[in-house]
């Protein structure tokens, strides 16, 4: 069974939801993809989605 990329894991966030839980969403992705994912998450947060992001990178939740 093929594995999903980290970006594919965010796709369900486009569906109507109240909250999104992400566990290490940018672990193992390149810098460009990480920045793209952060922009997508910022947009979802501005639209009112609550995002709980779990990360071992202490700077990531602040970005």
PDB file of N, CA and C in Angstrom:
ATOM      1  N   UNK A   1       0.852  -1.182   0.000  1.00  0.00           N
ATOM      2  CA  UNK A   1       0.000   0.000   0.000  1.00  0.00           C
ATOM      3  C   UNK A   1       0.891   1.237   0.000  1.00  0.00           C
ATOM      4  N   UNK A   2       0.675   2.156  -0.931  1.00  0.00           N
ATOM      5  CA  UNK A   2       1.524   3.360  -0.979  1.00  0.00           C
ATOM      6  C   UNK A   2       1.271   4.262   0.211  1.00  0.00           C
ATOM      7  N   UNK A   3       2.308   4.944   0.622  1.00  0.00           N
ATOM      8  CA  UNK A   3       2.174   5.881   1.738  1.00  0.00           C
ATOM      9  C   UNK A   3       1.777   7.248   1.198  1.00  0.00           C
ATOM     10  N   UNK A   4       1.084   8.007   2.016  1.00  0.00           N
ATOM     11  CA  UNK A   4       0.677   9.355   1.629  1.00  0.00           C
ATOM     12  C   UNK A   4       1.766  10.345   1.991  1.00  0.00           C
ATOM     13  N   UNK A   5       1.899  11.368   1.195  1.00  0.00           N
ATOM     14  CA  UNK A   5       2.857  12.415   1.538  1.00  0.00           C
ATOM     15  C   UNK A   5       2.238  13.299   2.614  1.00  0.00           C
ATOM     16  N   UNK A   6       3.066  14.072   3.272  1.00  0.00           N
ATOM     17  CA  UNK A   6       2.577  14.971   4.325  1.00  0.00           C
ATOM     18  C   UNK A   6       1.565  15.957   3.762  1.00  0.00           C
ATOM     19  N   UNK A   7       1.770  16.399   2.538  1.00  0.00           N
ATOM     20  CA  UNK A   7       0.851  17.347   1.914  1.00  0.00           C
ATOM     21  C   UNK A   7      -0.525  16.692   1.698  1.00  0.00           C
ATOM     22  N   UNK A   8      -0.536  15.423   1.332  1.00  0.00           N
ATOM     23  CA  UNK A   8      -1.797  14.702   1.141  1.00  0.00           C
ATOM     24  C   UNK A   8      -2.569  14.566   2.445  1.00  0.00           C
ATOM     25  N   UNK A   9      -1.867  14.541   3.556  1.00  0.00           N
ATOM     26  CA  UNK A   9      -2.526  14.417   4.850  1.00  0.00           C
ATOM     27  C   UNK A   9      -3.296  15.667   5.229  1.00  0.00           C
ATOM     28  N   UNK A  10      -2.979  16.816   4.641  1.00  0.00           N
ATOM     29  CA  UNK A  10      -3.666  18.062   4.947  1.00  0.00           C
ATOM     30  C   UNK A  10      -4.939  18.193   4.109  1.00  0.00           C
ATOM     31  N   UNK A  11      -5.028  17.490   2.993  1.00  0.00           N
ATOM     32  CA  UNK A  11      -6.164  17.619   2.076  1.00  0.00           C
ATOM     33  C   UNK A  11      -7.520  17.520   2.767  1.00  0.00           C
ATOM     34  N   UNK A  12      -7.739  16.612   3.725  1.00  0.00           N
ATOM     35  CA  UNK A  12      -9.050  16.556   4.376  1.00  0.00           C
ATOM     36  C   UNK A  12      -9.433  17.842   5.099  1.00  0.00           C
ATOM     37  N   UNK A  13      -8.490  18.709   5.352  1.00  0.00           N
ATOM     38  CA  UNK A  13      -8.788  19.974   6.030  1.00  0.00           C
ATOM     39  C   UNK A  13      -9.685  20.863   5.169  1.00  0.00           C
ATOM     40  N   UNK A  14      -9.711  20.607   3.881  1.00  0.00           N
ATOM     41  CA  UNK A  14     -10.557  21.404   2.998  1.00  0.00           C
ATOM     42  C   UNK A  14     -12.042  21.081   3.192  1.00  0.00           C
ATOM     43  N   UNK A  15     -12.337  19.964   3.820  1.00  0.00           N
ATOM     44  CA  UNK A  15     -13.720  19.589   4.096  1.00  0.00           C
ATOM     45  C   UNK A  15     -14.222  20.361   5.312  1.00  0.00           C
ATOM     46  N   UNK A  16     -15.521  20.575   5.420  1.00  0.00           N
ATOM     47  CA  UNK A  16     -16.064  21.321   6.564  1.00  0.00           C
ATOM     48  C   UNK A  16     -15.737  20.642   7.898  1.00  0.00           C
ATOM     49  N   UNK A  17     -14.955  21.315   8.710  1.00  0.00           N
ATOM     50  CA  UNK A  17     -14.555  20.800  10.011  1.00  0.00           C
ATOM     51  C   UNK A  17     -14.439  21.967  10.980  1.00  0.00           C
ATOM     52  N   UNK A  18     -14.390  21.649  12.261  1.00  0.00           N
ATOM     53  CA  UNK A  18     -14.197  22.678  13.272  1.00  0.00           C
ATOM     54  C   UNK A  18     -12.762  22.697  13.788  1.00  0.00           C
ATOM     55  N   UNK A  19     -12.085  21.550  13.713  1.00  0.00           N
ATOM     56  CA  UNK A  19     -10.717  21.459  14.223  1.00  0.00           C
ATOM     57  C   UNK A  19      -9.915  20.477  13.385  1.00  0.00           C
ATOM     58  N   UNK A  20      -8.600  20.676  13.382  1.00  0.00           N
ATOM     59  CA  UNK A  20      -7.685  19.823  12.640  1.00  0.00           C
ATOM     60  C   UNK A  20      -6.527  19.467  13.560  1.00  0.00           C
ATOM     61  N   UNK A  21      -6.238  18.197  13.703  1.00  0.00           N
ATOM     62  CA  UNK A  21      -5.129  17.713  14.516  1.00  0.00           C
ATOM     63  C   UNK A  21      -4.050  17.197  13.583  1.00  0.00           C
ATOM     64  N   UNK A  22      -2.853  17.761  13.702  1.00  0.00           N
ATOM     65  CA  UNK A  22      -1.730  17.355  12.860  1.00  0.00           C
ATOM     66  C   UNK A  22      -0.571  16.912  13.742  1.00  0.00           C
ATOM     67  N   UNK A  23      -0.090  15.711  13.516  1.00  0.00           N
ATOM     68  CA  UNK A  23       1.032  15.160  14.265  1.00  0.00           C
ATOM     69  C   UNK A  23       2.251  15.143  13.356  1.00  0.00           C
ATOM     70  N   UNK A  24       3.197  16.044  13.610  1.00  0.00           N
ATOM     71  CA  UNK A  24       4.433  16.156  12.833  1.00  0.00           C
ATOM     72  C   UNK A  24       4.155  16.306  11.333  1.00  0.00           C
ATOM     73  N   UNK A  25       3.352  17.282  10.915  1.00  0.00           N
ATOM     74  CA  UNK A  25       2.974  17.373   9.504  1.00  0.00           C
ATOM     75  C   UNK A  25       4.118  17.691   8.547  1.00  0.00           C
ATOM     76  N   UNK A  26       5.187  18.307   9.041  1.00  0.00           N
ATOM     77  CA  UNK A  26       6.279  18.675   8.135  1.00  0.00           C
ATOM     78  C   UNK A  26       7.532  17.837   8.345  1.00  0.00           C
ATOM     79  N   UNK A  27       7.417  16.805   9.110  1.00  0.00           N
ATOM     80  CA  UNK A  27       8.582  15.946   9.358  1.00  0.00           C
ATOM     81  C   UNK A  27       8.995  15.245   8.066  1.00  0.00           C
ATOM     82  N   UNK A  28      10.237  15.436   7.685  1.00  0.00           N
ATOM     83  CA  UNK A  28      10.785  14.763   6.517  1.00  0.00           C
ATOM     84  C   UNK A  28      10.447  15.400   5.178  1.00  0.00           C
ATOM     85  N   UNK A  29       9.868  16.599   5.177  1.00  0.00           N
ATOM     86  CA  UNK A  29       9.582  17.255   3.900  1.00  0.00           C
ATOM     87  C   UNK A  29      10.618  18.342   3.637  1.00  0.00           C
ATOM     88  N   UNK A  30      10.774  18.700   2.367  1.00  0.00           N
ATOM     89  CA  UNK A  30      11.758  19.720   2.018  1.00  0.00           C
ATOM     90  C   UNK A  30      11.243  21.102   2.431  1.00  0.00           C
ATOM     91  N   UNK A  31      12.135  22.066   2.430  1.00  0.00           N
ATOM     92  CA  UNK A  31      11.831  23.412   2.913  1.00  0.00           C
ATOM     93  C   UNK A  31      10.705  24.064   2.108  1.00  0.00           C
ATOM     94  N   UNK A  32      10.731  23.917   0.792  1.00  0.00           N
ATOM     95  CA  UNK A  32       9.699  24.533  -0.041  1.00  0.00           C
ATOM     96  C   UNK A  32       8.319  23.975   0.297  1.00  0.00           C
ATOM     97  N   UNK A  33       8.238  22.678   0.479  1.00  0.00           N
ATOM     98  CA  UNK A  33       6.956  22.050   0.828  1.00  0.00           C
ATOM     99  C   UNK A  33       6.517  22.481   2.219  1.00  0.00           C
ATOM    100  N   UNK A  34       7.462  22.594   3.155  1.00  0.00           N
ATOM    101  CA  UNK A  34       7.135  23.041   4.504  1.00  0.00           C
ATOM    102  C   UNK A  34       6.532  24.439   4.473  1.00  0.00           C
ATOM    103  N   UNK A  35       7.118  25.339   3.693  1.00  0.00           N
ATOM    104  CA  UNK A  35       6.600  26.702   3.589  1.00  0.00           C
ATOM    105  C   UNK A  35       5.218  26.722   2.944  1.00  0.00           C
ATOM    106  N   UNK A  36       5.013  25.876   1.942  1.00  0.00           N
ATOM    107  CA  UNK A  36       3.706  25.779   1.282  1.00  0.00           C
ATOM    108  C   UNK A  36       2.642  25.273   2.262  1.00  0.00           C
ATOM    109  N   UNK A  37       3.014  24.289   3.061  1.00  0.00           N
ATOM    110  CA  UNK A  37       2.088  23.747   4.054  1.00  0.00           C
ATOM    111  C   UNK A  37       1.764  24.787   5.123  1.00  0.00           C
ATOM    112  N   UNK A  38       2.765  25.549   5.552  1.00  0.00           N
ATOM    113  CA  UNK A  38       2.534  26.590   6.552  1.00  0.00           C
ATOM    114  C   UNK A  38       1.579  27.652   6.017  1.00  0.00           C
ATOM    115  N   UNK A  39       1.732  28.013   4.747  1.00  0.00           N
ATOM    116  CA  UNK A  39       0.826  29.001   4.146  1.00  0.00           C
ATOM    117  C   UNK A  39      -0.597  28.454   4.092  1.00  0.00           C
ATOM    118  N   UNK A  40      -0.739  27.190   3.746  1.00  0.00           N
ATOM    119  CA  UNK A  40      -2.061  26.569   3.704  1.00  0.00           C
ATOM    120  C   UNK A  40      -2.695  26.548   5.094  1.00  0.00           C
ATOM    121  N   UNK A  41      -1.922  26.173   6.100  1.00  0.00           N
ATOM    122  CA  UNK A  41      -2.440  26.132   7.471  1.00  0.00           C
ATOM    123  C   UNK A  41      -2.794  27.528   7.978  1.00  0.00           C
ATOM    124  N   UNK A  42      -1.979  28.513   7.623  1.00  0.00           N
ATOM    125  CA  UNK A  42      -2.294  29.901   8.009  1.00  0.00           C
ATOM    126  C   UNK A  42      -3.636  30.327   7.416  1.00  0.00           C
ATOM    127  N   UNK A  43      -3.858  29.989   6.155  1.00  0.00           N
ATOM    128  CA  UNK A  43      -5.115  30.333   5.509  1.00  0.00           C
ATOM    129  C   UNK A  43      -6.300  29.654   6.169  1.00  0.00           C
ATOM    130  N   UNK A  44      -6.135  28.391   6.533  1.00  0.00           N
ATOM    131  CA  UNK A  44      -7.214  27.668   7.216  1.00  0.00           C
ATOM    132  C   UNK A  44      -7.508  28.281   8.574  1.00  0.00           C
ATOM    133  N   UNK A  45      -6.462  28.703   9.286  1.00  0.00           N
ATOM    134  CA  UNK A  45      -6.648  29.322  10.603  1.00  0.00           C
ATOM    135  C   UNK A  45      -7.360  30.663  10.470  1.00  0.00           C
ATOM    136  N   UNK A  46      -6.995  31.441   9.473  1.00  0.00           N
ATOM    137  CA  UNK A  46      -7.651  32.732   9.239  1.00  0.00           C
ATOM    138  C   UNK A  46      -9.135  32.523   8.928  1.00  0.00           C
ATOM    139  N   UNK A  47      -9.435  31.417   8.244  1.00  0.00           N
ATOM    140  CA  UNK A  47     -10.829  31.097   7.908  1.00  0.00           C
ATOM    141  C   UNK A  47     -11.610  30.548   9.099  1.00  0.00           C
ATOM    142  N   UNK A  48     -10.954  30.416  10.255  1.00  0.00           N
ATOM    143  CA  UNK A  48     -11.663  30.016  11.463  1.00  0.00           C
ATOM    144  C   UNK A  48     -11.469  28.581  11.911  1.00  0.00           C
ATOM    145  N   UNK A  49     -10.635  27.816  11.217  1.00  0.00           N
ATOM    146  CA  UNK A  49     -10.388  26.436  11.622  1.00  0.00           C
ATOM    147  C   UNK A  49      -9.411  26.411  12.796  1.00  0.00           C
ATOM    148  N   UNK A  50      -9.745  25.664  13.840  1.00  0.00           N
ATOM    149  CA  UNK A  50      -8.831  25.473  14.961  1.00  0.00           C
ATOM    150  C   UNK A  50      -7.821  24.410  14.565  1.00  0.00           C
ATOM    151  N   UNK A  51      -6.534  24.696  14.758  1.00  0.00           N
ATOM    152  CA  UNK A  51      -5.476  23.758  14.370  1.00  0.00           C
ATOM    153  C   UNK A  51      -4.639  23.422  15.596  1.00  0.00           C
ATOM    154  N   UNK A  52      -4.545  22.127  15.886  1.00  0.00           N
ATOM    155  CA  UNK A  52      -3.675  21.636  16.944  1.00  0.00           C
ATOM    156  C   UNK A  52      -2.524  20.929  16.253  1.00  0.00           C
ATOM    157  N   UNK A  53      -1.339  21.512  16.354  1.00  0.00           N
ATOM    158  CA  UNK A  53      -0.171  21.003  15.659  1.00  0.00           C
ATOM    159  C   UNK A  53       0.824  20.458  16.677  1.00  0.00           C
ATOM    160  N   UNK A  54       1.172  19.206  16.526  1.00  0.00           N
ATOM    161  CA  UNK A  54       2.142  18.560  17.404  1.00  0.00           C
ATOM    162  C   UNK A  54       3.458  18.469  16.650  1.00  0.00           C
ATOM    163  N   UNK A  55       4.536  18.977  17.256  1.00  0.00           N
ATOM    164  CA  UNK A  55       5.820  18.982  16.570  1.00  0.00           C
ATOM    165  C   UNK A  55       6.969  18.903  17.564  1.00  0.00           C
ATOM    166  N   UNK A  56       8.029  18.195  17.166  1.00  0.00           N
ATOM    167  CA  UNK A  56       9.228  18.161  17.992  1.00  0.00           C
ATOM    168  C   UNK A  56      10.145  19.344  17.679  1.00  0.00           C
ATOM    169  N   UNK A  57       9.834  20.074  16.599  1.00  0.00           N
ATOM    170  CA  UNK A  57      10.568  21.284  16.230  1.00  0.00           C
ATOM    171  C   UNK A  57       9.946  22.446  16.997  1.00  0.00           C
ATOM    172  N   UNK A  58      10.620  22.930  18.025  1.00  0.00           N
ATOM    173  CA  UNK A  58      10.033  23.929  18.920  1.00  0.00           C
ATOM    174  C   UNK A  58       9.690  25.239  18.225  1.00  0.00           C
ATOM    175  N   UNK A  59      10.310  25.555  17.096  1.00  0.00           N
ATOM    176  CA  UNK A  59      10.002  26.799  16.405  1.00  0.00           C
ATOM    177  C   UNK A  59       8.804  26.662  15.465  1.00  0.00           C
ATOM    178  N   UNK A  60       8.463  25.450  15.076  1.00  0.00           N
ATOM    179  CA  UNK A  60       7.424  25.254  14.071  1.00  0.00           C
ATOM    180  C   UNK A  60       6.046  25.787  14.456  1.00  0.00           C
ATOM    181  N   UNK A  61       5.544  25.534  15.650  1.00  0.00           N
ATOM    182  CA  UNK A  61       4.197  26.045  15.971  1.00  0.00           C
ATOM    183  C   UNK A  61       4.080  27.568  15.939  1.00  0.00           C
ATOM    184  N   UNK A  62       5.184  28.266  16.117  1.00  0.00           N
ATOM    185  CA  UNK A  62       5.165  29.725  16.103  1.00  0.00           C
ATOM    186  C   UNK A  62       5.186  30.292  14.692  1.00  0.00           C
ATOM    187  N   UNK A  63       5.547  29.474  13.725  1.00  0.00           N
ATOM    188  CA  UNK A  63       5.703  29.955  12.336  1.00  0.00           C
ATOM    189  C   UNK A  63       4.371  30.107  11.648  1.00  0.00           C
TER     190      UNK A  63
END
